[in-house]
């Protein structure tokens, strides 16, 4: 079983920065994809960014140039550096992990951390 716990959310003014972290607990395969999603009230969960074990990244257009996803493979920890935050970035941010074990694809989610950006 894998457990994901996000930290680093909070309240920040527009233009400010926050850094989210997600250190998984449990068995993590060397080949995996970790990512960040967000869900605003009344909206569907949406991709923010993903990163593979090899460091290949993918970003939603709305965050390109402002957010940076990174990972520390020795700790299997993924980070999301968020700069130039806007009120529309307000959402619950969730960490995800995709890995394949014993011919089965597994996807895990954290509980989420609230990010609120004020005007």
C-alpha atoms as a PDB file:
ATOM      1  CA  UNK A   1       0.000   0.000   0.000  1.00  0.00           C
ATOM      2  CA  UNK A   2       1.223   3.506  -0.836  1.00  0.00           C
ATOM      3  CA  UNK A   3       0.296   6.596   1.114  1.00  0.00           C
ATOM      4  CA  UNK A   4       0.733  10.125  -0.192  1.00  0.00           C
ATOM      5  CA  UNK A   5       0.707  13.147   2.117  1.00  0.00           C
ATOM      6  CA  UNK A   6       0.895  16.640   0.689  1.00  0.00           C
ATOM      7  CA  UNK A   7       2.364  19.552   2.618  1.00  0.00           C
ATOM      8  CA  UNK A   8       2.996  23.205   1.904  1.00  0.00           C
ATOM      9  CA  UNK A   9      -0.417  24.619   1.095  1.00  0.00           C
ATOM     10  CA  UNK A  10      -1.738  27.818   2.595  1.00  0.00           C
ATOM     11  CA  UNK A  11      -2.971  31.342   2.002  1.00  0.00           C
ATOM     12  CA  UNK A  12      -0.930  33.705  -0.148  1.00  0.00           C
ATOM     13  CA  UNK A  13      -1.516  37.016  -1.899  1.00  0.00           C
ATOM     14  CA  UNK A  14      -1.632  37.226  -5.672  1.00  0.00           C
ATOM     15  CA  UNK A  15       1.887  37.323  -7.065  1.00  0.00           C
ATOM     16  CA  UNK A  16       3.262  35.287  -4.208  1.00  0.00           C
ATOM     17  CA  UNK A  17       4.828  31.832  -4.104  1.00  0.00           C
ATOM     18  CA  UNK A  18       4.261  28.487  -2.436  1.00  0.00           C
ATOM     19  CA  UNK A  19       6.096  25.169  -2.548  1.00  0.00           C
ATOM     20  CA  UNK A  20       4.237  21.896  -2.201  1.00  0.00           C
ATOM     21  CA  UNK A  21       5.878  18.601  -1.238  1.00  0.00           C
ATOM     22  CA  UNK A  22       4.727  14.992  -1.416  1.00  0.00           C
ATOM     23  CA  UNK A  23       6.891  12.210   0.056  1.00  0.00           C
ATOM     24  CA  UNK A  24       5.245   8.825  -0.612  1.00  0.00           C
ATOM     25  CA  UNK A  25       5.245   6.088   2.023  1.00  0.00           C
ATOM     26  CA  UNK A  26       5.290   2.444   1.016  1.00  0.00           C
ATOM     27  CA  UNK A  27       6.741   0.442  -1.842  1.00  0.00           C
ATOM     28  CA  UNK A  28       7.637   2.646  -4.808  1.00  0.00           C
ATOM     29  CA  UNK A  29       8.802   1.105  -8.068  1.00  0.00           C
ATOM     30  CA  UNK A  30      11.817   2.704  -9.749  1.00  0.00           C
ATOM     31  CA  UNK A  31       9.698   3.449 -12.821  1.00  0.00           C
ATOM     32  CA  UNK A  32       6.802   5.691 -11.981  1.00  0.00           C
ATOM     33  CA  UNK A  33       5.128   8.958 -12.784  1.00  0.00           C
ATOM     34  CA  UNK A  34       4.355  11.461 -10.069  1.00  0.00           C
ATOM     35  CA  UNK A  35       2.154  14.450 -10.504  1.00  0.00           C
ATOM     36  CA  UNK A  36       0.039  17.250  -9.149  1.00  0.00           C
ATOM     37  CA  UNK A  37      -3.622  17.824  -9.863  1.00  0.00           C
ATOM     38  CA  UNK A  38      -6.002  20.441  -8.531  1.00  0.00           C
ATOM     39  CA  UNK A  39      -9.700  20.713  -7.914  1.00  0.00           C
ATOM     40  CA  UNK A  40     -11.498  23.987  -7.410  1.00  0.00           C
ATOM     41  CA  UNK A  41     -15.008  24.154  -5.894  1.00  0.00           C
ATOM     42  CA  UNK A  42     -17.606  23.084  -8.432  1.00  0.00           C
ATOM     43  CA  UNK A  43     -14.987  22.058 -10.989  1.00  0.00           C
ATOM     44  CA  UNK A  44     -13.510  18.784 -12.119  1.00  0.00           C
ATOM     45  CA  UNK A  45     -10.085  17.615 -11.046  1.00  0.00           C
ATOM     46  CA  UNK A  46      -7.503  18.914 -13.508  1.00  0.00           C
ATOM     47  CA  UNK A  47      -3.906  18.088 -14.291  1.00  0.00           C
ATOM     48  CA  UNK A  48      -1.316  20.614 -13.152  1.00  0.00           C
ATOM     49  CA  UNK A  49       1.957  18.850 -13.923  1.00  0.00           C
ATOM     50  CA  UNK A  50       3.587  15.424 -14.070  1.00  0.00           C
ATOM     51  CA  UNK A  51       7.145  14.139 -13.969  1.00  0.00           C
ATOM     52  CA  UNK A  52       8.525  10.710 -14.843  1.00  0.00           C
ATOM     53  CA  UNK A  53      11.307   8.845 -13.093  1.00  0.00           C
ATOM     54  CA  UNK A  54      13.613  10.072 -15.878  1.00  0.00           C
ATOM     55  CA  UNK A  55      12.648  13.679 -15.248  1.00  0.00           C
ATOM     56  CA  UNK A  56      10.390  14.244 -18.244  1.00  0.00           C
ATOM     57  CA  UNK A  57       7.836  16.894 -17.350  1.00  0.00           C
ATOM     58  CA  UNK A  58       4.420  17.886 -18.608  1.00  0.00           C
ATOM     59  CA  UNK A  59       2.451  21.006 -17.643  1.00  0.00           C
ATOM     60  CA  UNK A  60      -1.026  22.355 -18.060  1.00  0.00           C
ATOM     61  CA  UNK A  61      -0.980  25.427 -20.299  1.00  0.00           C
ATOM     62  CA  UNK A  62      -2.397  27.562 -17.504  1.00  0.00           C
ATOM     63  CA  UNK A  63       0.669  27.065 -15.294  1.00  0.00           C
ATOM     64  CA  UNK A  64       3.508  26.956 -17.828  1.00  0.00           C
ATOM     65  CA  UNK A  65       6.224  29.441 -16.972  1.00  0.00           C
ATOM     66  CA  UNK A  66       4.913  29.915 -13.419  1.00  0.00           C
ATOM     67  CA  UNK A  67       4.988  26.436 -11.838  1.00  0.00           C
ATOM     68  CA  UNK A  68       7.878  23.983 -11.728  1.00  0.00           C
ATOM     69  CA  UNK A  69       7.568  20.301 -10.880  1.00  0.00           C
ATOM     70  CA  UNK A  70      10.644  18.455  -9.648  1.00  0.00           C
ATOM     71  CA  UNK A  71      11.505  15.265  -7.842  1.00  0.00           C
ATOM     72  CA  UNK A  72      14.130  13.811  -5.582  1.00  0.00           C
ATOM     73  CA  UNK A  73      14.382  10.173  -6.605  1.00  0.00           C
ATOM     74  CA  UNK A  74      16.419   9.095  -3.583  1.00  0.00           C
ATOM     75  CA  UNK A  75      13.444  10.061  -1.423  1.00  0.00           C
ATOM     76  CA  UNK A  76      10.752   9.465  -4.064  1.00  0.00           C
ATOM     77  CA  UNK A  77       9.542  12.948  -3.229  1.00  0.00           C
ATOM     78  CA  UNK A  78       7.863  15.266  -5.694  1.00  0.00           C
ATOM     79  CA  UNK A  79       7.680  19.052  -5.356  1.00  0.00           C
ATOM     80  CA  UNK A  80       5.658  21.794  -6.972  1.00  0.00           C
ATOM     81  CA  UNK A  81       7.134  25.293  -6.895  1.00  0.00           C
ATOM     82  CA  UNK A  82       4.365  27.783  -7.618  1.00  0.00           C
ATOM     83  CA  UNK A  83       5.334  31.370  -8.471  1.00  0.00           C
ATOM     84  CA  UNK A  84       3.320  34.357  -9.643  1.00  0.00           C
ATOM     85  CA  UNK A  85       0.205  32.851  -8.125  1.00  0.00           C
ATOM     86  CA  UNK A  86      -3.173  34.092  -9.295  1.00  0.00           C
ATOM     87  CA  UNK A  87      -6.581  33.927  -7.574  1.00  0.00           C
ATOM     88  CA  UNK A  88      -7.673  31.406 -10.190  1.00  0.00           C
ATOM     89  CA  UNK A  89      -5.001  29.022  -8.890  1.00  0.00           C
ATOM     90  CA  UNK A  90      -7.068  28.620  -5.725  1.00  0.00           C
ATOM     91  CA  UNK A  91      -7.907  24.928  -5.320  1.00  0.00           C
ATOM     92  CA  UNK A  92      -7.165  21.756  -3.419  1.00  0.00           C
ATOM     93  CA  UNK A  93      -3.911  20.390  -4.785  1.00  0.00           C
ATOM     94  CA  UNK A  94      -3.499  16.620  -4.860  1.00  0.00           C
ATOM     95  CA  UNK A  95      -0.388  14.534  -5.306  1.00  0.00           C
ATOM     96  CA  UNK A  96      -0.560  11.427  -7.496  1.00  0.00           C
ATOM     97  CA  UNK A  97       1.608   8.399  -8.173  1.00  0.00           C
ATOM     98  CA  UNK A  98       1.287   6.016 -11.117  1.00  0.00           C
ATOM     99  CA  UNK A  99       3.241   2.779 -11.149  1.00  0.00           C
ATOM    100  CA  UNK A 100       3.006  -0.707 -12.588  1.00  0.00           C
ATOM    101  CA  UNK A 101       3.449  -3.691 -10.279  1.00  0.00           C
ATOM    102  CA  UNK A 102       2.835  -7.370 -11.055  1.00  0.00           C
ATOM    103  CA  UNK A 103       1.337  -6.532 -14.483  1.00  0.00           C
ATOM    104  CA  UNK A 104      -1.166  -4.146 -12.932  1.00  0.00           C
ATOM    105  CA  UNK A 105      -1.307  -0.367 -13.220  1.00  0.00           C
ATOM    106  CA  UNK A 106      -1.805   1.407  -9.914  1.00  0.00           C
ATOM    107  CA  UNK A 107      -2.739   5.021  -9.303  1.00  0.00           C
ATOM    108  CA  UNK A 108      -2.603   6.557  -5.858  1.00  0.00           C
ATOM    109  CA  UNK A 109      -3.893   9.888  -4.577  1.00  0.00           C
ATOM    110  CA  UNK A 110      -3.133  12.006  -1.582  1.00  0.00           C
ATOM    111  CA  UNK A 111      -5.799  13.725   0.512  1.00  0.00           C
ATOM    112  CA  UNK A 112      -4.909  17.126  -0.884  1.00  0.00           C
ATOM    113  CA  UNK A 113      -3.719  20.443   0.485  1.00  0.00           C
ATOM    114  CA  UNK A 114      -5.611  23.723   0.179  1.00  0.00           C
ATOM    115  CA  UNK A 115      -4.024  26.591  -1.739  1.00  0.00           C
ATOM    116  CA  UNK A 116      -5.836  29.907  -1.502  1.00  0.00           C
ATOM    117  CA  UNK A 117      -4.670  32.956  -3.449  1.00  0.00           C
ATOM    118  CA  UNK A 118      -6.198  36.263  -2.411  1.00  0.00           C
ATOM    119  CA  UNK A 119      -6.532  39.403  -4.533  1.00  0.00           C
END
